[in-house]
Amino acid sequence: DRCWRAWDIQENPDAKGRPKCSRRECTYQMHITQDHGFCCTGCMHGQDHDTACERWPWEGEAPPLAPRASAEEARALEQFSVQDLKRLASWRQVDVAGCVEKADIIERLVR
């Protein structure tokens, strides 16, 4: 397995095998220069693809989902707003009812 980082993609933007967009139902590759892990910000927010979407088709099998998120992922989630975290929880079908604090939402997302 290859661990992809933003600079891997930026050094060779035409490389085949770019990682899949992080949105489960999306069929495009990650954006070359936007390092958020999605094909576009529209997809990141669970909306339609926006004008910045490159729409490069992703071919291959979907990577298996990790059974639990790592502490590294929890730290990465801290950069998002409460509203974005609630959208992510909704997309992952994680119940965050009653969560007010950002830390509570992150805790439920990484369980």
N, C-alpha and C. Protein backbone atom coordinates (compact mmCIF):
# COMPACT_ATOMS: atom_id res chain seq x y z
N ASP A 1 0.84 -1.19 0.00
CA ASP A 1 0.00 0.00 0.00
C ASP A 1 0.88 1.24 0.00
N ARG A 2 0.35 2.29 -0.58
CA ARG A 2 1.08 3.55 -0.67
C ARG A 2 0.39 4.58 0.21
N CYS A 3 1.17 5.30 0.96
CA CYS A 3 0.65 6.40 1.77
C CYS A 3 0.77 7.67 0.95
N TRP A 4 -0.35 8.21 0.52
CA TRP A 4 -0.35 9.41 -0.33
C TRP A 4 -0.31 10.65 0.51
N ARG A 5 0.50 11.58 0.07
CA ARG A 5 0.57 12.90 0.69
C ARG A 5 0.40 13.93 -0.40
N ALA A 6 0.05 15.14 -0.04
CA ALA A 6 -0.22 16.19 -1.03
C ALA A 6 0.96 16.39 -1.96
N TRP A 7 2.18 16.34 -1.44
CA TRP A 7 3.33 16.60 -2.31
C TRP A 7 3.57 15.47 -3.30
N ASP A 8 3.14 14.26 -3.01
CA ASP A 8 3.25 13.17 -3.98
C ASP A 8 2.43 13.48 -5.22
N ILE A 9 1.25 14.01 -5.01
CA ILE A 9 0.35 14.29 -6.12
C ILE A 9 0.83 15.52 -6.87
N GLN A 10 1.29 16.53 -6.17
CA GLN A 10 1.70 17.76 -6.82
C GLN A 10 2.96 17.57 -7.65
N GLU A 11 3.85 16.66 -7.25
CA GLU A 11 5.06 16.43 -8.03
C GLU A 11 4.75 15.77 -9.36
N ASN A 12 3.73 14.96 -9.42
CA ASN A 12 3.40 14.25 -10.64
C ASN A 12 1.89 14.28 -10.83
N PRO A 13 1.34 15.43 -11.25
CA PRO A 13 -0.11 15.58 -11.30
C PRO A 13 -0.81 14.67 -12.30
N ASP A 14 -0.08 14.16 -13.28
CA ASP A 14 -0.71 13.29 -14.27
C ASP A 14 -0.57 11.81 -13.92
N ALA A 15 -0.08 11.53 -12.73
CA ALA A 15 0.16 10.15 -12.34
C ALA A 15 -1.15 9.38 -12.27
N LYS A 16 -1.11 8.18 -12.82
CA LYS A 16 -2.27 7.30 -12.67
C LYS A 16 -2.23 6.74 -11.26
N GLY A 17 -3.37 6.37 -10.77
CA GLY A 17 -3.41 5.81 -9.44
C GLY A 17 -3.51 6.85 -8.34
N ARG A 18 -3.90 8.06 -8.71
CA ARG A 18 -4.16 9.05 -7.68
C ARG A 18 -5.25 8.52 -6.77
N PRO A 19 -5.22 8.83 -5.50
CA PRO A 19 -6.23 8.30 -4.59
C PRO A 19 -7.65 8.73 -4.95
N LYS A 20 -8.59 7.91 -4.54
CA LYS A 20 -10.00 8.19 -4.77
C LYS A 20 -10.46 9.32 -3.86
N CYS A 21 -11.42 10.07 -4.33
CA CYS A 21 -12.06 11.09 -3.51
C CYS A 21 -12.57 10.44 -2.22
N SER A 22 -12.47 11.15 -1.11
CA SER A 22 -12.85 10.60 0.19
C SER A 22 -14.35 10.39 0.37
N ARG A 23 -15.14 10.99 -0.46
CA ARG A 23 -16.59 10.80 -0.37
C ARG A 23 -16.93 9.42 -0.94
N ARG A 24 -17.55 8.61 -0.16
CA ARG A 24 -17.75 7.20 -0.50
C ARG A 24 -18.42 7.00 -1.85
N GLU A 25 -19.47 7.75 -2.15
CA GLU A 25 -20.21 7.52 -3.39
C GLU A 25 -19.62 8.22 -4.61
N CYS A 26 -18.58 9.01 -4.43
CA CYS A 26 -17.96 9.74 -5.55
C CYS A 26 -17.10 8.79 -6.38
N THR A 27 -17.09 9.01 -7.69
CA THR A 27 -16.33 8.15 -8.60
C THR A 27 -15.14 8.88 -9.22
N TYR A 28 -14.73 10.01 -8.63
CA TYR A 28 -13.60 10.77 -9.16
C TYR A 28 -12.37 10.63 -8.27
N GLN A 29 -11.22 11.03 -8.84
CA GLN A 29 -9.96 11.03 -8.10
C GLN A 29 -9.86 12.30 -7.26
N MET A 30 -8.97 12.26 -6.28
CA MET A 30 -8.70 13.44 -5.46
C MET A 30 -8.21 14.58 -6.34
N HIS A 31 -8.50 15.79 -5.94
CA HIS A 31 -8.04 16.98 -6.67
C HIS A 31 -6.52 17.06 -6.59
N ILE A 32 -5.90 17.53 -7.66
CA ILE A 32 -4.44 17.58 -7.72
C ILE A 32 -3.85 18.57 -6.71
N THR A 33 -4.42 19.76 -6.61
CA THR A 33 -3.80 20.79 -5.78
C THR A 33 -4.53 21.08 -4.48
N GLN A 34 -5.79 20.74 -4.39
CA GLN A 34 -6.53 20.95 -3.14
C GLN A 34 -6.26 19.75 -2.24
N ASP A 35 -5.60 19.96 -1.13
CA ASP A 35 -5.13 18.84 -0.31
C ASP A 35 -6.10 18.42 0.79
N HIS A 36 -7.40 18.56 0.53
CA HIS A 36 -8.40 18.16 1.54
C HIS A 36 -8.86 16.72 1.38
N GLY A 37 -8.40 16.02 0.34
CA GLY A 37 -8.74 14.61 0.17
C GLY A 37 -9.97 14.34 -0.66
N PHE A 38 -10.57 15.37 -1.21
CA PHE A 38 -11.77 15.22 -2.03
C PHE A 38 -11.48 15.71 -3.44
N CYS A 39 -12.40 15.44 -4.36
CA CYS A 39 -12.23 15.92 -5.74
C CYS A 39 -12.52 17.41 -5.84
N CYS A 40 -13.33 17.94 -4.93
CA CYS A 40 -13.66 19.36 -4.92
C CYS A 40 -14.30 19.70 -3.57
N THR A 41 -14.45 20.98 -3.30
CA THR A 41 -15.04 21.37 -2.02
C THR A 41 -16.54 21.06 -1.98
N GLY A 42 -17.19 21.05 -3.13
CA GLY A 42 -18.60 20.66 -3.16
C GLY A 42 -18.78 19.25 -2.64
N CYS A 43 -17.93 18.36 -3.10
CA CYS A 43 -17.99 16.96 -2.66
C CYS A 43 -17.62 16.86 -1.17
N MET A 44 -16.66 17.66 -0.74
CA MET A 44 -16.24 17.65 0.66
C MET A 44 -17.41 18.00 1.58
N HIS A 45 -18.29 18.89 1.12
CA HIS A 45 -19.42 19.32 1.93
C HIS A 45 -20.69 18.51 1.64
N GLY A 46 -20.56 17.41 0.88
CA GLY A 46 -21.70 16.56 0.61
C GLY A 46 -22.69 17.15 -0.37
N GLN A 47 -22.21 18.07 -1.21
CA GLN A 47 -23.07 18.72 -2.19
C GLN A 47 -22.66 18.28 -3.59
N ASP A 48 -23.25 18.92 -4.61
CA ASP A 48 -22.88 18.63 -5.99
C ASP A 48 -21.45 19.08 -6.25
N HIS A 49 -20.85 18.51 -7.29
CA HIS A 49 -19.49 18.90 -7.67
C HIS A 49 -19.49 20.36 -8.11
N ASP A 50 -18.45 21.09 -7.71
CA ASP A 50 -18.37 22.50 -8.07
C ASP A 50 -17.50 22.70 -9.31
N THR A 51 -17.31 23.94 -9.71
CA THR A 51 -16.58 24.24 -10.94
C THR A 51 -15.10 23.89 -10.85
N ALA A 52 -14.55 23.78 -9.65
CA ALA A 52 -13.14 23.42 -9.49
C ALA A 52 -12.91 21.92 -9.62
N CYS A 53 -13.97 21.13 -9.67
CA CYS A 53 -13.83 19.68 -9.77
C CYS A 53 -13.23 19.32 -11.12
N GLU A 54 -12.17 18.52 -11.09
CA GLU A 54 -11.49 18.12 -12.33
C GLU A 54 -12.22 16.98 -13.04
N ARG A 55 -13.04 16.25 -12.29
CA ARG A 55 -13.84 15.15 -12.82
C ARG A 55 -12.98 14.08 -13.52
N TRP A 56 -11.85 13.76 -12.90
CA TRP A 56 -11.01 12.68 -13.40
C TRP A 56 -11.59 11.38 -12.85
N PRO A 57 -12.04 10.47 -13.69
CA PRO A 57 -12.64 9.22 -13.19
C PRO A 57 -11.62 8.40 -12.41
N TRP A 58 -12.08 7.82 -11.35
CA TRP A 58 -11.24 6.93 -10.55
C TRP A 58 -11.58 5.51 -10.92
N GLU A 59 -10.58 4.72 -11.20
CA GLU A 59 -10.80 3.33 -11.56
C GLU A 59 -10.13 2.44 -10.52
N GLY A 60 -10.82 1.44 -10.13
CA GLY A 60 -10.25 0.51 -9.16
C GLY A 60 -11.27 0.15 -8.11
N GLU A 61 -10.84 -0.70 -7.22
CA GLU A 61 -11.71 -1.12 -6.13
C GLU A 61 -11.66 -0.10 -5.01
N ALA A 62 -12.77 0.06 -4.37
CA ALA A 62 -12.81 0.99 -3.23
C ALA A 62 -11.92 0.45 -2.12
N PRO A 63 -11.11 1.29 -1.51
CA PRO A 63 -10.26 0.82 -0.42
C PRO A 63 -11.12 0.41 0.77
N PRO A 64 -10.72 -0.61 1.50
CA PRO A 64 -11.51 -1.02 2.66
C PRO A 64 -11.50 0.08 3.72
N LEU A 65 -12.61 0.22 4.39
CA LEU A 65 -12.70 1.23 5.44
C LEU A 65 -11.98 0.73 6.68
N ALA A 66 -11.26 1.61 7.30
CA ALA A 66 -10.59 1.26 8.55
C ALA A 66 -11.65 1.06 9.62
N PRO A 67 -11.51 0.04 10.46
CA PRO A 67 -12.53 -0.20 11.48
C PRO A 67 -12.63 0.94 12.48
N ARG A 68 -11.54 1.59 12.77
CA ARG A 68 -11.54 2.72 13.71
C ARG A 68 -10.60 3.79 13.18
N ALA A 69 -10.95 4.99 13.43
CA ALA A 69 -10.08 6.10 13.03
C ALA A 69 -8.92 6.21 14.00
N SER A 70 -7.83 6.69 13.51
CA SER A 70 -6.64 6.82 14.33
C SER A 70 -6.64 8.15 15.08
N ALA A 71 -5.72 8.25 16.00
CA ALA A 71 -5.55 9.52 16.73
C ALA A 71 -5.13 10.61 15.75
N GLU A 72 -4.39 10.22 14.71
CA GLU A 72 -3.97 11.19 13.69
C GLU A 72 -5.19 11.77 12.98
N GLU A 73 -6.18 10.94 12.69
CA GLU A 73 -7.39 11.43 12.05
C GLU A 73 -8.14 12.38 12.98
N ALA A 74 -8.17 12.05 14.26
CA ALA A 74 -8.85 12.93 15.23
C ALA A 74 -8.20 14.31 15.24
N ARG A 75 -6.87 14.34 15.18
CA ARG A 75 -6.18 15.64 15.13
C ARG A 75 -6.52 16.37 13.84
N ALA A 76 -6.63 15.65 12.74
CA ALA A 76 -6.97 16.27 11.46
C ALA A 76 -8.38 16.85 11.48
N LEU A 77 -9.29 16.20 12.19
CA LEU A 77 -10.68 16.67 12.25
C LEU A 77 -10.81 17.97 13.03
N GLU A 78 -9.84 18.27 13.88
CA GLU A 78 -9.91 19.48 14.70
C GLU A 78 -9.90 20.76 13.88
N GLN A 79 -9.42 20.70 12.64
CA GLN A 79 -9.36 21.90 11.80
C GLN A 79 -10.73 22.30 11.24
N PHE A 80 -11.70 21.40 11.28
CA PHE A 80 -13.01 21.67 10.69
C PHE A 80 -13.94 22.35 11.68
N SER A 81 -14.89 23.08 11.15
CA SER A 81 -15.88 23.75 11.99
C SER A 81 -16.87 22.72 12.53
N VAL A 82 -17.63 23.12 13.54
CA VAL A 82 -18.66 22.24 14.10
C VAL A 82 -19.66 21.86 13.01
N GLN A 83 -20.03 22.82 12.19
CA GLN A 83 -20.99 22.56 11.11
C GLN A 83 -20.45 21.52 10.13
N ASP A 84 -19.18 21.64 9.74
CA ASP A 84 -18.58 20.66 8.83
C ASP A 84 -18.49 19.28 9.48
N LEU A 85 -18.17 19.24 10.77
CA LEU A 85 -18.11 17.96 11.47
C LEU A 85 -19.48 17.30 11.54
N LYS A 86 -20.52 18.10 11.73
CA LYS A 86 -21.88 17.54 11.76
C LYS A 86 -22.26 17.00 10.39
N ARG A 87 -21.84 17.68 9.32
CA ARG A 87 -22.11 17.16 7.97
C ARG A 87 -21.39 15.84 7.75
N LEU A 88 -20.14 15.77 8.19
CA LEU A 88 -19.37 14.54 8.06
C LEU A 88 -20.02 13.42 8.84
N ALA A 89 -20.47 13.72 10.05
CA ALA A 89 -21.15 12.71 10.87
C ALA A 89 -22.41 12.22 10.19
N SER A 90 -23.15 13.12 9.59
CA SER A 90 -24.37 12.74 8.87
C SER A 90 -24.02 11.82 7.71
N TRP A 91 -22.97 12.18 6.96
CA TRP A 91 -22.56 11.38 5.81
C TRP A 91 -22.11 9.99 6.25
N ARG A 92 -21.41 9.91 7.39
CA ARG A 92 -20.94 8.62 7.91
C ARG A 92 -22.03 7.90 8.71
N GLN A 93 -23.18 8.52 8.84
CA GLN A 93 -24.30 7.97 9.60
C GLN A 93 -23.93 7.74 11.07
N VAL A 94 -23.25 8.74 11.63
CA VAL A 94 -22.88 8.72 13.04
C VAL A 94 -23.81 9.67 13.78
N ASP A 95 -24.44 9.17 14.82
CA ASP A 95 -25.39 9.99 15.58
C ASP A 95 -24.63 10.96 16.48
N VAL A 96 -24.82 12.25 16.24
CA VAL A 96 -24.19 13.28 17.08
C VAL A 96 -25.24 14.13 17.78
N ALA A 97 -26.45 13.61 17.89
CA ALA A 97 -27.51 14.34 18.58
C ALA A 97 -27.08 14.61 20.02
N GLY A 98 -27.25 15.82 20.45
CA GLY A 98 -26.87 16.20 21.79
C GLY A 98 -25.43 16.68 21.92
N CYS A 99 -24.63 16.51 20.88
CA CYS A 99 -23.25 17.00 20.92
C CYS A 99 -23.24 18.49 20.63
N VAL A 100 -22.61 19.23 21.51
CA VAL A 100 -22.51 20.68 21.34
C VAL A 100 -21.06 21.07 21.08
N GLU A 101 -20.17 20.48 21.83
CA GLU A 101 -18.75 20.79 21.72
C GLU A 101 -18.12 20.04 20.55
N LYS A 102 -17.17 20.69 19.91
CA LYS A 102 -16.43 20.08 18.79
C LYS A 102 -15.77 18.77 19.23
N ALA A 103 -15.19 18.76 20.42
CA ALA A 103 -14.50 17.56 20.92
C ALA A 103 -15.45 16.37 21.04
N ASP A 104 -16.70 16.62 21.43
CA ASP A 104 -17.68 15.54 21.54
C ASP A 104 -18.00 14.93 20.18
N ILE A 105 -18.14 15.79 19.17
CA ILE A 105 -18.44 15.30 17.82
C ILE A 105 -17.27 14.48 17.30
N ILE A 106 -16.05 14.99 17.49
CA ILE A 106 -14.86 14.27 17.03
C ILE A 106 -14.76 12.92 17.72
N GLU A 107 -15.04 12.89 19.01
CA GLU A 107 -14.98 11.63 19.76
C GLU A 107 -15.93 10.59 19.16
N ARG A 108 -17.12 11.01 18.81
CA ARG A 108 -18.08 10.07 18.21
C ARG A 108 -17.64 9.64 16.82
N LEU A 109 -17.02 10.54 16.07
CA LEU A 109 -16.57 10.20 14.72
C LEU A 109 -15.43 9.19 14.72
N VAL A 110 -14.60 9.21 15.75
CA VAL A 110 -13.44 8.32 15.77
C VAL A 110 -13.65 7.06 16.60
N ARG A 111 -14.83 6.85 17.12
CA ARG A 111 -15.12 5.63 17.89
C ARG A 111 -14.96 4.40 17.04
